[in-house]
Amino acid sequence: MPEVERAGIGRWLAAAAVVIVLDQLTKWLVLQAFTVGERLAVIDGLFDLTLVYNPGAAFSFLASAGGWQRWFFVALGLGASLFIVALLRRSHGQPLFSLALALILGGAIGNVIDRLVHTQVVDFLLVYQHPWYFPAFNLADSAITVGAVLLILDEVLRWRRERAATE
């Protein structure tokens, strides 16, 4: 692999590593400070810190599937991570796209670590306005979400550039 490509992917892998470290650190802190279900109001009526476990995926998808989903989501996360690394190797010169992939990669690995260590994902951020509650989430989930939004933004900007070039 040429030096320029190696340096480029290294920057994005480092960004993913920062996401992983921050995600795991915040989860460790919550695990030390909270018991399951305990809540601490940060912004009363809007945002709490809590400790919940999610054996499923987003919005507790497959949470009650009986245990097999742990390994399914580990395999899915690892497979997606390998695919993202391959995309990063080819995406030099596309900083927004690469940042989006790095955020998704870091988030995916952060949640895979949880499944391997805790058998389920540690969630602790709770946004709500009674009676509405958004499912609890974590920094890995946030990184994945921001990465997905950046992928969409990158595609819209690319489409607009191509459209402007043909006019």
Protein backbone atom coordinates (compact mmCIF):
# COMPACT_ATOMS: atom_id res chain seq x y z
CA MET A 1 0.00 0.00 0.00
CA PRO A 2 1.48 3.40 -0.94
CA GLU A 3 2.58 5.72 1.91
CA VAL A 4 -0.10 8.33 1.15
CA GLU A 5 -2.89 5.75 1.36
CA ARG A 6 -1.50 4.26 4.58
CA ALA A 7 -1.29 7.70 6.20
CA GLY A 8 -4.81 8.51 5.04
CA ILE A 9 -6.41 5.37 6.41
CA GLY A 10 -4.38 5.70 9.62
CA ARG A 11 -6.01 9.03 10.36
CA TRP A 12 -9.49 7.52 10.01
CA LEU A 13 -8.62 4.41 11.99
CA ALA A 14 -7.31 6.73 14.73
CA ALA A 15 -10.63 8.59 14.68
CA ALA A 16 -12.47 5.28 15.04
CA ALA A 17 -10.16 4.36 17.93
CA VAL A 18 -11.02 7.62 19.70
CA VAL A 19 -14.72 6.75 19.39
CA ILE A 20 -14.06 3.27 20.80
CA VAL A 21 -12.04 4.59 23.75
CA LEU A 22 -14.58 7.31 24.62
CA ASP A 23 -17.45 4.85 24.27
CA GLN A 24 -15.84 2.23 26.49
CA LEU A 25 -14.68 4.81 29.05
CA THR A 26 -18.15 6.32 29.43
CA LYS A 27 -19.70 2.86 29.73
CA TRP A 28 -17.14 1.88 32.37
CA LEU A 29 -17.91 5.05 34.34
CA VAL A 30 -21.65 4.38 34.21
CA LEU A 31 -21.14 0.74 35.23
CA GLN A 32 -19.15 1.95 38.26
CA ALA A 33 -21.68 4.58 39.30
CA PHE A 34 -25.10 3.06 38.58
CA THR A 35 -27.11 -0.05 39.30
CA VAL A 36 -29.36 -1.40 36.57
CA GLY A 37 -32.40 0.85 36.17
CA GLU A 38 -31.05 3.62 38.38
CA ARG A 39 -31.54 7.10 36.91
CA LEU A 40 -29.97 10.50 37.47
CA ALA A 41 -31.79 13.51 36.06
CA VAL A 42 -29.39 15.75 34.15
CA ILE A 43 -32.09 17.97 32.64
CA ASP A 44 -35.26 17.23 34.59
CA GLY A 45 -38.04 16.01 32.34
CA LEU A 46 -35.80 15.77 29.28
CA PHE A 47 -32.49 13.94 29.80
CA ASP A 48 -31.31 11.35 32.34
CA LEU A 49 -28.30 9.14 32.82
CA THR A 50 -29.30 5.57 33.54
CA LEU A 51 -27.96 2.04 33.23
CA VAL A 52 -29.78 -0.44 31.05
CA TYR A 53 -28.64 -3.41 29.02
CA ASN A 54 -29.82 -4.12 25.50
CA PRO A 55 -29.35 -7.68 24.23
CA GLY A 56 -30.85 -6.66 20.89
CA ALA A 57 -29.98 -4.06 18.29
CA ALA A 58 -31.38 -0.59 17.66
CA PHE A 59 -34.66 0.02 19.47
CA SER A 60 -34.21 -3.40 21.18
CA PHE A 61 -34.73 -5.24 17.89
CA LEU A 62 -34.47 -9.00 18.62
CA ALA A 63 -33.88 -8.29 22.33
CA SER A 64 -36.00 -11.27 23.38
CA ALA A 65 -34.72 -13.69 20.72
CA GLY A 66 -33.26 -16.15 23.22
CA GLY A 67 -29.53 -15.43 23.08
CA TRP A 68 -28.52 -16.39 19.54
CA GLN A 69 -28.75 -12.72 18.52
CA ARG A 70 -25.62 -11.91 20.55
CA TRP A 71 -23.42 -13.86 18.16
CA PHE A 72 -25.40 -12.71 15.14
CA PHE A 73 -24.78 -9.07 16.07
CA VAL A 74 -21.11 -9.76 16.87
CA ALA A 75 -20.66 -11.33 13.43
CA LEU A 76 -22.63 -8.53 11.77
CA GLY A 77 -20.57 -5.86 13.55
CA LEU A 78 -17.27 -7.51 12.68
CA GLY A 79 -18.33 -8.06 9.08
CA ALA A 80 -19.46 -4.45 8.75
CA SER A 81 -16.18 -3.31 10.30
CA LEU A 82 -14.12 -5.25 7.74
CA PHE A 83 -16.24 -3.81 4.93
CA ILE A 84 -15.80 -0.28 6.30
CA VAL A 85 -12.02 -0.70 6.53
CA ALA A 86 -12.01 -1.83 2.89
CA LEU A 87 -14.04 1.26 1.94
CA LEU A 88 -11.66 3.49 3.90
CA ARG A 89 -8.71 2.08 1.97
CA ARG A 90 -10.35 3.26 -1.27
CA SER A 91 -11.80 6.56 -0.10
CA HIS A 92 -8.67 8.74 0.00
CA GLY A 93 -9.52 12.28 -1.02
CA GLN A 94 -13.04 12.02 0.42
CA PRO A 95 -12.74 13.43 3.96
CA LEU A 96 -16.45 13.71 4.79
CA PHE A 97 -17.15 10.19 3.55
CA SER A 98 -14.11 8.85 5.44
CA LEU A 99 -15.10 10.62 8.67
CA ALA A 100 -18.58 9.15 8.40
CA LEU A 101 -17.14 5.67 7.95
CA ALA A 102 -14.72 6.17 10.86
CA LEU A 103 -17.57 7.15 13.19
CA ILE A 104 -19.64 4.15 12.13
CA LEU A 105 -16.62 1.86 12.49
CA GLY A 106 -15.83 3.11 16.00
CA GLY A 107 -19.44 2.77 17.07
CA ALA A 108 -19.81 -0.70 15.63
CA ILE A 109 -16.67 -1.95 17.36
CA GLY A 110 -17.68 -0.28 20.62
CA ASN A 111 -20.94 -2.21 20.67
CA VAL A 112 -19.24 -5.45 19.58
CA ILE A 113 -16.91 -5.11 22.58
CA ASP A 114 -19.97 -4.83 24.84
CA ARG A 115 -21.51 -7.98 23.38
CA LEU A 116 -18.27 -9.89 23.90
CA VAL A 117 -17.58 -8.57 27.43
CA HIS A 118 -21.08 -8.06 28.88
CA THR A 119 -23.10 -10.32 26.49
CA GLN A 120 -25.24 -7.26 25.68
CA VAL A 121 -24.85 -3.56 24.96
CA VAL A 122 -24.53 -1.06 27.81
CA ASP A 123 -26.85 1.93 27.27
CA PHE A 124 -27.00 4.97 29.53
CA LEU A 125 -28.30 8.07 27.74
CA LEU A 126 -32.05 8.56 28.08
CA VAL A 127 -33.93 11.33 26.29
CA TYR A 128 -37.61 11.75 27.07
CA GLN A 129 -40.51 14.10 27.58
CA HIS A 130 -43.18 12.31 29.53
CA PRO A 131 -44.98 10.22 28.30
CA TRP A 132 -42.62 9.88 25.29
CA TYR A 133 -39.29 8.06 25.78
CA PHE A 134 -36.59 7.52 23.21
CA PRO A 135 -34.86 4.17 23.82
CA ALA A 136 -31.69 4.51 25.91
CA PHE A 137 -28.50 4.65 23.87
CA ASN A 138 -24.74 5.18 24.23
CA LEU A 139 -21.84 7.01 22.58
CA ALA A 140 -21.28 4.18 20.08
CA ASP A 141 -24.89 4.49 18.93
CA SER A 142 -24.47 8.27 18.69
CA ALA A 143 -21.32 7.89 16.56
CA ILE A 144 -23.12 5.46 14.25
CA THR A 145 -26.04 7.88 13.90
CA VAL A 146 -23.83 10.91 13.22
CA GLY A 147 -21.83 8.82 10.74
CA ALA A 148 -25.01 7.80 8.91
CA VAL A 149 -26.15 11.44 8.72
CA LEU A 150 -22.72 12.43 7.37
CA LEU A 151 -22.94 9.67 4.73
CA ILE A 152 -26.26 11.10 3.56
CA LEU A 153 -24.85 14.64 3.57
CA ASP A 154 -21.80 13.49 1.61
CA GLU A 155 -24.01 11.85 -1.00
CA VAL A 156 -26.24 14.94 -1.31
CA LEU A 157 -23.18 17.18 -1.73
CA ARG A 158 -21.67 14.78 -4.29
CA TRP A 159 -24.93 14.69 -6.22
CA ARG A 160 -25.15 18.49 -6.20
CA ARG A 161 -21.53 18.81 -7.42
CA GLU A 162 -22.17 16.36 -10.25
CA ARG A 163 -25.40 18.09 -11.18
CA ALA A 164 -23.69 21.52 -11.19
CA ALA A 165 -20.88 20.15 -13.37
CA THR A 166 -23.35 18.98 -16.04
CA GLU A 167 -25.27 22.25 -16.22
